[in-house]
Amino acid sequence: MSIIHIENLSKTYASGVTALDGVSFDIQAGDFFALLGPNGAGKSTLINVLSSLVQKTGGKVAIAGHDIDTHSRQAKLHLGVMPQEINLGVFDKVLPILINQAGYYGVPKAIAKKRALDLLDRLSLSDKADQVTRSLSGGMKRRVMIARALMNDPDIIILDEPTAGVDIEIRQHMWDFLKDLNKAGKTIILTTHYLEEAEQLCDNVAIIDRGKLVCQSDMPSLLRHLDCEQFVLYLSEPLQNLPDIPELSIRQIDSLTLEVDVPRDLGISRCLYHLCKANILVQSLRNKTNRLESLFLKLTKREGL
């Protein structure tokens, strides 16, 4: 069932800038959905339209069956939104921030406190409940903002760059937390510039560029559009001469390292077979580039940037 319906959505600001130009797509209930695009593509405008912070110029948007023009309040009750910019009061304490947020939705204080303490525990912030936000690290502040977005127990969670500036360990913890939310039935919409994040977390994706929808697809189908993948191969023994294998484009980085372009219809297994026949033993390998990033550049025709 479609929980968000966007039809021919447009937004032109008073300055004349068109941020959204006839965007249409649906998001299904329970989806983990990536909304991707370069800076200035229109992603934040779309999120602000969904959350009623920006008034659209044209088109239709329905959230959980509620038209945002005629039933704005009912639509917003289904949403929890984490903005990209940190907007916590620097002198406010963490626990009251969360309890007050719940109060805006009519959640009784006792229930709000229990919910807040549970979220802080799940986000490894229990010991920060009585601290003011200015004493927190950037990663902690972002986790507080995620908790705040969940205080009304929304069906739909919109996260705008939730892991920006967060270290690897905390990012992995946040990924696990978001996966658990999605498994519990929450619909999650994620914008991110860490494209490996979208590939790891999301089932479906829409790419917006210059205000227009470039594509919408499930993640596996989208990735299958890649013509080839680049791999870095680490060899067991030093290589003296680069072999000539017509099916592959191979570049030697040093005596123990190769780069290879592997066509999608060939596959890495066949590539390793050809190298083995040439008496080249591969000890380990890794993707050189993120597959989704390569596809994003291709679809938005920004390969030369």
C-alpha atoms as a PDB file:
ATOM      1  CA  MET A   1       0.000   0.000   0.000  1.00  0.00           C
ATOM      2  CA  SER A   2       1.244   3.481  -0.887  1.00  0.00           C
ATOM      3  CA  ILE A   3       1.849   5.497   2.291  1.00  0.00           C
ATOM      4  CA  ILE A   4       3.156   8.552   0.418  1.00  0.00           C
ATOM      5  CA  HIS A   5       1.762   9.616  -2.941  1.00  0.00           C
ATOM      6  CA  ILE A   6       3.496  12.422  -4.864  1.00  0.00           C
ATOM      7  CA  GLU A   7       1.944  13.478  -8.161  1.00  0.00           C
ATOM      8  CA  ASN A   8       3.295  16.140 -10.539  1.00  0.00           C
ATOM      9  CA  LEU A   9       4.803  18.056  -7.612  1.00  0.00           C
ATOM     10  CA  SER A  10       6.298  21.428  -8.445  1.00  0.00           C
ATOM     11  CA  LYS A  11       7.809  24.276  -6.471  1.00  0.00           C
ATOM     12  CA  THR A  12       8.991  27.592  -7.864  1.00  0.00           C
ATOM     13  CA  TYR A  13      10.304  30.125  -5.363  1.00  0.00           C
ATOM     14  CA  ALA A  14       9.621  33.859  -5.550  1.00  0.00           C
ATOM     15  CA  SER A  15      13.145  34.336  -6.907  1.00  0.00           C
ATOM     16  CA  GLY A  16      12.120  32.361  -9.993  1.00  0.00           C
ATOM     17  CA  VAL A  17      14.157  29.286  -9.100  1.00  0.00           C
ATOM     18  CA  THR A  18      12.295  26.039  -9.861  1.00  0.00           C
ATOM     19  CA  ALA A  19      13.298  23.532  -7.184  1.00  0.00           C
ATOM     20  CA  LEU A  20      10.832  20.803  -8.178  1.00  0.00           C
ATOM     21  CA  ASP A  21       9.501  20.277 -11.678  1.00  0.00           C
ATOM     22  CA  GLY A  22       6.707  17.708 -12.100  1.00  0.00           C
ATOM     23  CA  VAL A  23       8.022  15.076  -9.683  1.00  0.00           C
ATOM     24  CA  SER A  24       5.837  11.967  -9.295  1.00  0.00           C
ATOM     25  CA  PHE A  25       6.445   8.765  -7.337  1.00  0.00           C
ATOM     26  CA  ASP A  26       4.984   6.608  -4.565  1.00  0.00           C
ATOM     27  CA  ILE A  27       6.521   5.169  -1.406  1.00  0.00           C
ATOM     28  CA  GLN A  28       5.061   1.967  -0.020  1.00  0.00           C
ATOM     29  CA  ALA A  29       4.311   1.329   3.658  1.00  0.00           C
ATOM     30  CA  GLY A  30       7.255  -0.329   5.398  1.00  0.00           C
ATOM     31  CA  ASP A  31       9.754   0.724   2.738  1.00  0.00           C
ATOM     32  CA  PHE A  32      13.319   1.885   3.415  1.00  0.00           C
ATOM     33  CA  PHE A  33      13.520   4.508   0.688  1.00  0.00           C
ATOM     34  CA  ALA A  34      16.537   6.511  -0.486  1.00  0.00           C
ATOM     35  CA  LEU A  35      16.059   9.986  -1.929  1.00  0.00           C
ATOM     36  CA  LEU A  36      19.294  10.894  -3.682  1.00  0.00           C
ATOM     37  CA  GLY A  37      20.645  13.753  -5.713  1.00  0.00           C
ATOM     38  CA  PRO A  38      23.443  16.334  -5.832  1.00  0.00           C
ATOM     39  CA  ASN A  39      23.352  19.553  -3.812  1.00  0.00           C
ATOM     40  CA  GLY A  40      20.583  21.778  -5.117  1.00  0.00           C
ATOM     41  CA  ALA A  41      18.705  18.887  -6.724  1.00  0.00           C
ATOM     42  CA  GLY A  42      15.470  19.594  -4.822  1.00  0.00           C
ATOM     43  CA  LYS A  43      15.655  16.920  -2.102  1.00  0.00           C
ATOM     44  CA  SER A  44      15.338  19.297   0.859  1.00  0.00           C
ATOM     45  CA  THR A  45      12.527  21.203  -0.851  1.00  0.00           C
ATOM     46  CA  LEU A  46      10.638  17.945  -1.332  1.00  0.00           C
ATOM     47  CA  ILE A  47      11.110  17.027   2.345  1.00  0.00           C
ATOM     48  CA  ASN A  48       9.986  20.507   3.412  1.00  0.00           C
ATOM     49  CA  VAL A  49       6.854  20.164   1.279  1.00  0.00           C
ATOM     50  CA  LEU A  50       6.072  16.809   2.905  1.00  0.00           C
ATOM     51  CA  SER A  51       6.480  18.305   6.369  1.00  0.00           C
ATOM     52  CA  SER A  52       4.473  21.461   5.463  1.00  0.00           C
ATOM     53  CA  LEU A  53       7.430  23.811   5.947  1.00  0.00           C
ATOM     54  CA  VAL A  54       7.281  24.853   2.276  1.00  0.00           C
ATOM     55  CA  GLN A  55       4.108  25.445   0.300  1.00  0.00           C
ATOM     56  CA  LYS A  56       4.131  23.684  -3.055  1.00  0.00           C
ATOM     57  CA  THR A  57       3.373  25.524  -6.291  1.00  0.00           C
ATOM     58  CA  GLY A  58       1.442  22.680  -7.870  1.00  0.00           C
ATOM     59  CA  GLY A  59       0.690  18.985  -7.820  1.00  0.00           C
ATOM     60  CA  LYS A  60      -0.677  16.650  -5.191  1.00  0.00           C
ATOM     61  CA  VAL A  61       0.824  15.078  -2.070  1.00  0.00           C
ATOM     62  CA  ALA A  62      -0.942  12.590   0.184  1.00  0.00           C
ATOM     63  CA  ILE A  63       0.505  11.113   3.390  1.00  0.00           C
ATOM     64  CA  ALA A  64      -1.166   7.996   4.770  1.00  0.00           C
ATOM     65  CA  GLY A  65      -4.172   8.865   2.628  1.00  0.00           C
ATOM     66  CA  HIS A  66      -4.390  12.474   3.870  1.00  0.00           C
ATOM     67  CA  ASP A  67      -4.033  15.267   1.330  1.00  0.00           C
ATOM     68  CA  ILE A  68      -1.581  17.816   2.748  1.00  0.00           C
ATOM     69  CA  ASP A  69      -3.677  20.706   1.412  1.00  0.00           C
ATOM     70  CA  THR A  70      -6.999  19.685   2.934  1.00  0.00           C
ATOM     71  CA  HIS A  71      -5.911  17.531   5.895  1.00  0.00           C
ATOM     72  CA  SER A  72      -2.527  18.921   6.846  1.00  0.00           C
ATOM     73  CA  ARG A  73      -2.808  18.199  10.569  1.00  0.00           C
ATOM     74  CA  GLN A  74      -3.780  14.545  10.084  1.00  0.00           C
ATOM     75  CA  ALA A  75      -0.945  14.102   7.583  1.00  0.00           C
ATOM     76  CA  LYS A  76       1.695  15.580   9.906  1.00  0.00           C
ATOM     77  CA  LEU A  77       0.692  13.265  12.758  1.00  0.00           C
ATOM     78  CA  HIS A  78       2.152  10.375  10.755  1.00  0.00           C
ATOM     79  CA  LEU A  79       5.544  12.046  10.300  1.00  0.00           C
ATOM     80  CA  GLY A  80       8.750  12.231  12.299  1.00  0.00           C
ATOM     81  CA  VAL A  81      11.347  14.482  10.670  1.00  0.00           C
ATOM     82  CA  MET A  82      15.050  14.882  11.388  1.00  0.00           C
ATOM     83  CA  PRO A  83      16.422  17.924   9.538  1.00  0.00           C
ATOM     84  CA  GLN A  84      19.932  18.103   8.151  1.00  0.00           C
ATOM     85  CA  GLU A  85      20.998  21.074  10.261  1.00  0.00           C
ATOM     86  CA  ILE A  86      21.465  20.609  13.998  1.00  0.00           C
ATOM     87  CA  ASN A  87      18.770  22.744  15.637  1.00  0.00           C
ATOM     88  CA  LEU A  88      18.935  21.847  19.319  1.00  0.00           C
ATOM     89  CA  GLY A  89      18.889  24.547  21.987  1.00  0.00           C
ATOM     90  CA  VAL A  90      22.466  24.721  23.250  1.00  0.00           C
ATOM     91  CA  PHE A  91      21.379  25.223  26.898  1.00  0.00           C
ATOM     92  CA  ASP A  92      18.571  22.640  26.818  1.00  0.00           C
ATOM     93  CA  LYS A  93      19.001  19.258  28.461  1.00  0.00           C
ATOM     94  CA  VAL A  94      18.522  16.112  26.414  1.00  0.00           C
ATOM     95  CA  LEU A  95      15.658  14.432  28.285  1.00  0.00           C
ATOM     96  CA  PRO A  96      13.443  17.556  28.487  1.00  0.00           C
ATOM     97  CA  ILE A  97      13.980  18.141  24.754  1.00  0.00           C
ATOM     98  CA  LEU A  98      12.487  14.739  24.010  1.00  0.00           C
ATOM     99  CA  ILE A  99       9.632  14.996  26.529  1.00  0.00           C
ATOM    100  CA  ASN A 100       8.665  18.451  25.249  1.00  0.00           C
ATOM    101  CA  GLN A 101       8.659  17.188  21.661  1.00  0.00           C
ATOM    102  CA  ALA A 102       6.203  14.448  22.627  1.00  0.00           C
ATOM    103  CA  GLY A 103       4.048  17.046  24.343  1.00  0.00           C
ATOM    104  CA  TYR A 104       3.443  18.818  21.039  1.00  0.00           C
ATOM    105  CA  TYR A 105       1.633  15.659  19.925  1.00  0.00           C
ATOM    106  CA  GLY A 106      -0.395  15.269  23.102  1.00  0.00           C
ATOM    107  CA  VAL A 107       1.645  12.363  24.488  1.00  0.00           C
ATOM    108  CA  PRO A 108       1.191  12.169  28.307  1.00  0.00           C
ATOM    109  CA  LYS A 109       4.361  13.059  30.211  1.00  0.00           C
ATOM    110  CA  ALA A 110       4.731   9.665  31.881  1.00  0.00           C
ATOM    111  CA  ILE A 111       4.549   7.861  28.541  1.00  0.00           C
ATOM    112  CA  ALA A 112       6.864  10.445  26.948  1.00  0.00           C
ATOM    113  CA  LYS A 113       9.503   9.991  29.647  1.00  0.00           C
ATOM    114  CA  LYS A 114       9.439   6.205  29.319  1.00  0.00           C
ATOM    115  CA  ARG A 115       9.667   6.464  25.533  1.00  0.00           C
ATOM    116  CA  ALA A 116      12.515   8.990  25.743  1.00  0.00           C
ATOM    117  CA  LEU A 117      14.565   6.870  28.148  1.00  0.00           C
ATOM    118  CA  ASP A 118      14.060   3.829  25.943  1.00  0.00           C
ATOM    119  CA  LEU A 119      15.230   5.697  22.834  1.00  0.00           C
ATOM    120  CA  LEU A 120      18.247   7.117  24.630  1.00  0.00           C
ATOM    121  CA  ASP A 121      19.176   3.629  25.759  1.00  0.00           C
ATOM    122  CA  ARG A 122      18.841   2.203  22.248  1.00  0.00           C
ATOM    123  CA  LEU A 123      20.952   5.048  20.878  1.00  0.00           C
ATOM    124  CA  SER A 124      23.636   4.643  23.585  1.00  0.00           C
ATOM    125  CA  LEU A 125      22.836   8.035  25.134  1.00  0.00           C
ATOM    126  CA  SER A 126      21.445   7.001  28.542  1.00  0.00           C
ATOM    127  CA  ASP A 127      24.267   8.741  30.398  1.00  0.00           C
ATOM    128  CA  LYS A 128      23.591  12.002  28.514  1.00  0.00           C
ATOM    129  CA  ALA A 129      19.940  12.444  29.541  1.00  0.00           C
ATOM    130  CA  ASP A 130      20.675  15.275  32.018  1.00  0.00           C
ATOM    131  CA  GLN A 131      23.385  17.009  29.992  1.00  0.00           C
ATOM    132  CA  VAL A 132      22.931  20.204  27.985  1.00  0.00           C
ATOM    133  CA  THR A 133      23.343  19.720  24.260  1.00  0.00           C
ATOM    134  CA  ARG A 134      26.317  22.086  23.927  1.00  0.00           C
ATOM    135  CA  SER A 135      28.376  19.505  25.855  1.00  0.00           C
ATOM    136  CA  LEU A 136      27.631  16.767  23.324  1.00  0.00           C
ATOM    137  CA  SER A 137      29.680  15.736  20.313  1.00  0.00           C
ATOM    138  CA  GLY A 138      28.288  16.175  16.814  1.00  0.00           C
ATOM    139  CA  GLY A 139      27.444  12.481  16.572  1.00  0.00           C
ATOM    140  CA  MET A 140      25.601  12.572  19.894  1.00  0.00           C
ATOM    141  CA  LYS A 141      23.571  15.594  18.795  1.00  0.00           C
ATOM    142  CA  ARG A 142      22.498  13.780  15.631  1.00  0.00           C
ATOM    143  CA  ARG A 143      21.377  10.783  17.678  1.00  0.00           C
ATOM    144  CA  VAL A 144      19.375  13.098  19.959  1.00  0.00           C
ATOM    145  CA  MET A 145      17.709  14.517  16.844  1.00  0.00           C
ATOM    146  CA  ILE A 146      16.798  11.021  15.665  1.00  0.00           C
ATOM    147  CA  ALA A 147      15.281  10.310  19.079  1.00  0.00           C
ATOM    148  CA  ARG A 148      13.358  13.585  18.947  1.00  0.00           C
ATOM    149  CA  ALA A 149      11.912  12.655  15.528  1.00  0.00           C
ATOM    150  CA  LEU A 150      10.588   9.409  17.035  1.00  0.00           C
ATOM    151  CA  MET A 151       8.901  10.826  20.122  1.00  0.00           C
ATOM    152  CA  ASN A 152       5.444  10.895  18.516  1.00  0.00           C
ATOM    153  CA  ASP A 153       5.879   7.229  17.434  1.00  0.00           C
ATOM    154  CA  PRO A 154       5.422   8.132  13.736  1.00  0.00           C
ATOM    155  CA  ASP A 155       4.606   5.704  10.934  1.00  0.00           C
ATOM    156  CA  ILE A 156       6.959   7.578   8.593  1.00  0.00           C
ATOM    157  CA  ILE A 157      10.445   8.754   9.535  1.00  0.00           C
ATOM    158  CA  ILE A 158      12.240  11.273   7.304  1.00  0.00           C
ATOM    159  CA  LEU A 159      15.981  11.533   7.917  1.00  0.00           C
ATOM    160  CA  ASP A 160      17.898  14.256   6.094  1.00  0.00           C
ATOM    161  CA  GLU A 161      21.630  13.389   6.153  1.00  0.00           C
ATOM    162  CA  PRO A 162      21.412  11.634   9.561  1.00  0.00           C
ATOM    163  CA  THR A 163      25.044  10.453   9.663  1.00  0.00           C
ATOM    164  CA  ALA A 164      26.769  13.559   8.273  1.00  0.00           C
ATOM    165  CA  GLY A 165      30.061  14.052  10.120  1.00  0.00           C
ATOM    166  CA  VAL A 166      29.604  10.920  12.231  1.00  0.00           C
ATOM    167  CA  ASP A 167      32.537   8.559  12.740  1.00  0.00           C
ATOM    168  CA  ILE A 168      32.481   5.038  11.320  1.00  0.00           C
ATOM    169  CA  GLU A 169      31.672   3.204  14.558  1.00  0.00           C
ATOM    170  CA  ILE A 170      28.729   5.461  15.436  1.00  0.00           C
ATOM    171  CA  ARG A 171      27.494   5.357  11.847  1.00  0.00           C
ATOM    172  CA  GLN A 172      27.363   1.556  11.951  1.00  0.00           C
ATOM    173  CA  HIS A 173      25.458   1.689  15.253  1.00  0.00           C
ATOM    174  CA  MET A 174      22.975   4.144  13.742  1.00  0.00           C
ATOM    175  CA  TRP A 175      22.562   1.884  10.694  1.00  0.00           C
ATOM    176  CA  ASP A 176      21.696  -1.047  12.959  1.00  0.00           C
ATOM    177  CA  PHE A 177      19.190   1.099  14.861  1.00  0.00           C
ATOM    178  CA  LEU A 178      17.497   2.253  11.645  1.00  0.00           C
ATOM    179  CA  LYS A 179      17.350  -1.302  10.301  1.00  0.00           C
ATOM    180  CA  ASP A 180      15.591  -2.382  13.506  1.00  0.00           C
ATOM    181  CA  LEU A 181      13.057   0.448  13.130  1.00  0.00           C
ATOM    182  CA  ASN A 182      12.347  -0.607   9.566  1.00  0.00           C
ATOM    183  CA  LYS A 183      11.957  -4.262  10.559  1.00  0.00           C
ATOM    184  CA  ALA A 184       9.420  -3.111  13.170  1.00  0.00           C
ATOM    185  CA  GLY A 185       7.304  -1.675  10.346  1.00  0.00           C
ATOM    186  CA  LYS A 186       8.413   1.948  10.165  1.00  0.00           C
ATOM    187  CA  THR A 187       8.622   3.563   6.739  1.00  0.00           C
ATOM    188  CA  ILE A 188      11.962   5.364   6.468  1.00  0.00           C
ATOM    189  CA  ILE A 189      12.928   7.991   3.905  1.00  0.00           C
ATOM    190  CA  LEU A 190      16.648   8.711   3.838  1.00  0.00           C
ATOM    191  CA  THR A 191      18.628  11.399   2.088  1.00  0.00           C
ATOM    192  CA  THR A 192      22.382  10.963   2.150  1.00  0.00           C
ATOM    193  CA  HIS A 193      25.582  11.873   0.339  1.00  0.00           C
ATOM    194  CA  TYR A 194      27.174   8.683   1.649  1.00  0.00           C
ATOM    195  CA  LEU A 195      25.921   6.623  -1.257  1.00  0.00           C
ATOM    196  CA  GLU A 196      27.201   3.377   0.234  1.00  0.00           C
ATOM    197  CA  GLU A 197      24.770   4.126   3.062  1.00  0.00           C
ATOM    198  CA  ALA A 198      21.817   4.019   0.675  1.00  0.00           C
ATOM    199  CA  GLU A 199      23.126   0.835  -0.909  1.00  0.00           C
ATOM    200  CA  GLN A 200      23.508  -0.839   2.486  1.00  0.00           C
ATOM    201  CA  LEU A 201      20.176   0.264   3.973  1.00  0.00           C
ATOM    202  CA  CYS A 202      17.587   0.978   1.327  1.00  0.00           C
ATOM    203  CA  ASP A 203      15.260  -1.252  -0.676  1.00  0.00           C
ATOM    204  CA  ASN A 204      14.150   1.383  -3.183  1.00  0.00           C
ATOM    205  CA  VAL A 205      15.578   4.614  -4.488  1.00  0.00           C
ATOM    206  CA  ALA A 206      14.587   7.764  -6.332  1.00  0.00           C
ATOM    207  CA  ILE A 207      17.212  10.045  -7.857  1.00  0.00           C
ATOM    208  CA  ILE A 208      16.393  13.723  -8.361  1.00  0.00           C
ATOM    209  CA  ASP A 209      18.526  16.126 -10.378  1.00  0.00           C
ATOM    210  CA  ARG A 210      17.773  19.767 -11.161  1.00  0.00           C
ATOM    211  CA  GLY A 211      14.274  19.377  -9.769  1.00  0.00           C
ATOM    212  CA  LYS A 212      13.315  16.442 -11.981  1.00  0.00           C
ATOM    213  CA  LEU A 213      12.963  12.754 -11.195  1.00  0.00           C
ATOM    214  CA  VAL A 214      15.825  10.993 -12.988  1.00  0.00           C
ATOM    215  CA  CYS A 215      14.801   7.463 -12.040  1.00  0.00           C
ATOM    216  CA  GLN A 216      12.964   5.360  -9.485  1.00  0.00           C
ATOM    217  CA  SER A 217      13.770   1.697  -8.954  1.00  0.00           C
ATOM    218  CA  ASP A 218      14.400  -1.030  -6.426  1.00  0.00           C
ATOM    219  CA  MET A 219      18.082  -1.083  -5.477  1.00  0.00           C
ATOM    220  CA  PRO A 220      19.106  -4.438  -7.080  1.00  0.00           C
ATOM    221  CA  SER A 221      17.476  -3.547 -10.419  1.00  0.00           C
ATOM    222  CA  LEU A 222      19.126  -0.145 -10.383  1.00  0.00           C
ATOM    223  CA  LEU A 223      22.573  -1.580  -9.729  1.00  0.00           C
ATOM    224  CA  ARG A 224      22.168  -4.073 -12.550  1.00  0.00           C
ATOM    225  CA  HIS A 225      22.254  -1.149 -14.983  1.00  0.00           C
ATOM    226  CA  LEU A 226      25.970  -0.731 -14.358  1.00  0.00           C
ATOM    227  CA  ASP A 227      28.012  -1.772 -17.384  1.00  0.00           C
ATOM    228  CA  CYS A 228      31.027  -2.810 -15.347  1.00  0.00           C
ATOM    229  CA  GLU A 229      32.616  -2.694 -11.907  1.00  0.00           C
ATOM    230  CA  GLN A 230      36.126  -1.674 -10.978  1.00  0.00           C
ATOM    231  CA  PHE A 231      38.076  -3.893  -8.603  1.00  0.00           C
ATOM    232  CA  VAL A 232      41.440  -3.588  -6.899  1.00  0.00           C
ATOM    233  CA  LEU A 233      43.196  -6.978  -6.774  1.00  0.00           C
ATOM    234  CA  TYR A 234      45.968  -7.785  -4.297  1.00  0.00           C
ATOM    235  CA  LEU A 235      48.266 -10.525  -5.577  1.00  0.00           C
ATOM    236  CA  SER A 236      49.948 -13.381  -3.725  1.00  0.00           C
ATOM    237  CA  GLU A 237      53.203 -12.966  -5.637  1.00  0.00           C
ATOM    238  CA  PRO A 238      54.858 -10.032  -7.425  1.00  0.00           C
ATOM    239  CA  LEU A 239      53.858  -9.666 -11.055  1.00  0.00           C
ATOM    240  CA  GLN A 240      56.615  -9.173 -13.591  1.00  0.00           C
ATOM    241  CA  ASN A 241      54.610  -8.769 -16.813  1.00  0.00           C
ATOM    242  CA  LEU A 242      51.002  -7.661 -17.270  1.00  0.00           C
ATOM    243  CA  PRO A 243      49.033 -10.371 -19.111  1.00  0.00           C
ATOM    244  CA  ASP A 244      46.962  -9.692 -22.217  1.00  0.00           C
ATOM    245  CA  ILE A 245      43.394 -10.835 -21.470  1.00  0.00           C
ATOM    246  CA  PRO A 246      41.048  -9.491 -24.188  1.00  0.00           C
ATOM    247  CA  GLU A 247      37.905  -9.678 -22.013  1.00  0.00           C
ATOM    248  CA  LEU A 248      39.420  -7.471 -19.290  1.00  0.00           C
ATOM    249  CA  SER A 249      40.907  -4.009 -18.960  1.00  0.00           C
ATOM    250  CA  ILE A 250      43.789  -4.418 -16.502  1.00  0.00           C
ATOM    251  CA  ARG A 251      46.108  -1.758 -15.079  1.00  0.00           C
ATOM    252  CA  GLN A 252      49.118  -2.477 -12.881  1.00  0.00           C
ATOM    253  CA  ILE A 253      49.440  -0.217  -9.829  1.00  0.00           C
ATOM    254  CA  ASP A 254      52.562  -1.908  -8.444  1.00  0.00           C
ATOM    255  CA  SER A 255      54.073  -5.387  -8.464  1.00  0.00           C
ATOM    256  CA  LEU A 256      51.407  -6.721  -6.072  1.00  0.00           C
ATOM    257  CA  THR A 257      48.365  -4.642  -7.056  1.00  0.00           C
ATOM    258  CA  LEU A 258      46.143  -4.557 -10.125  1.00  0.00           C
ATOM    259  CA  GLU A 259      43.075  -2.588 -11.121  1.00  0.00           C
ATOM    260  CA  VAL A 260      40.611  -4.339 -13.374  1.00  0.00           C
ATOM    261  CA  ASP A 261      37.360  -3.314 -15.092  1.00  0.00           C
ATOM    262  CA  VAL A 262      34.987  -6.281 -14.992  1.00  0.00           C
ATOM    263  CA  PRO A 263      32.056  -6.212 -17.441  1.00  0.00           C
ATOM    264  CA  ARG A 264      28.738  -7.034 -15.803  1.00  0.00           C
ATOM    265  CA  ASP A 265      28.105  -9.966 -18.133  1.00  0.00           C
ATOM    266  CA  LEU A 266      31.516 -11.447 -17.307  1.00  0.00           C
ATOM    267  CA  GLY A 267      31.488 -11.255 -13.503  1.00  0.00           C
ATOM    268  CA  ILE A 268      34.264 -11.391 -10.956  1.00  0.00           C
ATOM    269  CA  SER A 269      34.396 -15.199 -10.861  1.00  0.00           C
ATOM    270  CA  ARG A 270      35.177 -15.397 -14.576  1.00  0.00           C
ATOM    271  CA  CYS A 271      37.730 -12.622 -14.149  1.00  0.00           C
ATOM    272  CA  LEU A 272      39.550 -14.606 -11.458  1.00  0.00           C
ATOM    273  CA  TYR A 273      39.422 -17.693 -13.675  1.00  0.00           C
ATOM    274  CA  HIS A 274      41.206 -15.837 -16.497  1.00  0.00           C
ATOM    275  CA  LEU A 275      43.840 -14.498 -14.101  1.00  0.00           C
ATOM    276  CA  CYS A 276      44.406 -17.959 -12.648  1.00  0.00           C
ATOM    277  CA  LYS A 277      44.937 -19.349 -16.168  1.00  0.00           C
ATOM    278  CA  ALA A 278      47.619 -16.678 -16.591  1.00  0.00           C
ATOM    279  CA  ASN A 279      49.281 -17.932 -13.354  1.00  0.00           C
ATOM    280  CA  ILE A 280      48.228 -14.837 -11.406  1.00  0.00           C
ATOM    281  CA  LEU A 281      46.955 -15.692  -7.943  1.00  0.00           C
ATOM    282  CA  VAL A 282      44.708 -13.154  -6.234  1.00  0.00           C
ATOM    283  CA  GLN A 283      44.999 -13.008  -2.450  1.00  0.00           C
ATOM    284  CA  SER A 284      42.171 -10.511  -1.850  1.00  0.00           C
ATOM    285  CA  LEU A 285      40.113  -7.880  -3.635  1.00  0.00           C
ATOM    286  CA  ARG A 286      37.846  -4.911  -3.076  1.00  0.00           C
ATOM    287  CA  ASN A 287      35.541  -2.662  -5.082  1.00  0.00           C
ATOM    288  CA  LYS A 288      37.417   0.423  -6.169  1.00  0.00           C
ATOM    289  CA  THR A 289      34.304   2.572  -6.495  1.00  0.00           C
ATOM    290  CA  ASN A 290      30.878   2.499  -4.955  1.00  0.00           C
ATOM    291  CA  ARG A 291      28.451   0.983  -7.471  1.00  0.00           C
ATOM    292  CA  LEU A 292      25.611   3.313  -6.651  1.00  0.00           C
ATOM    293  CA  GLU A 293      27.865   6.358  -6.896  1.00  0.00           C
ATOM    294  CA  SER A 294      29.016   5.292 -10.358  1.00  0.00           C
ATOM    295  CA  LEU A 295      25.419   4.835 -11.437  1.00  0.00           C
ATOM    296  CA  PHE A 296      24.382   8.176  -9.960  1.00  0.00           C
ATOM    297  CA  LEU A 297      27.045   9.984 -11.968  1.00  0.00           C
ATOM    298  CA  LYS A 298      25.968   8.134 -15.095  1.00  0.00           C
ATOM    299  CA  LEU A 299      22.250   8.840 -14.682  1.00  0.00           C
ATOM    300  CA  THR A 300      22.716  12.523 -13.913  1.00  0.00           C
ATOM    301  CA  LYS A 301      25.282  12.846 -16.732  1.00  0.00           C
ATOM    302  CA  ARG A 302      27.880  14.326 -14.384  1.00  0.00           C
ATOM    303  CA  GLU A 303      30.753  11.968 -15.221  1.00  0.00           C
ATOM    304  CA  GLY A 304      33.072  14.818 -16.101  1.00  0.00           C
ATOM    305  CA  LEU A 305      32.500  16.816 -12.919  1.00  0.00           C
END
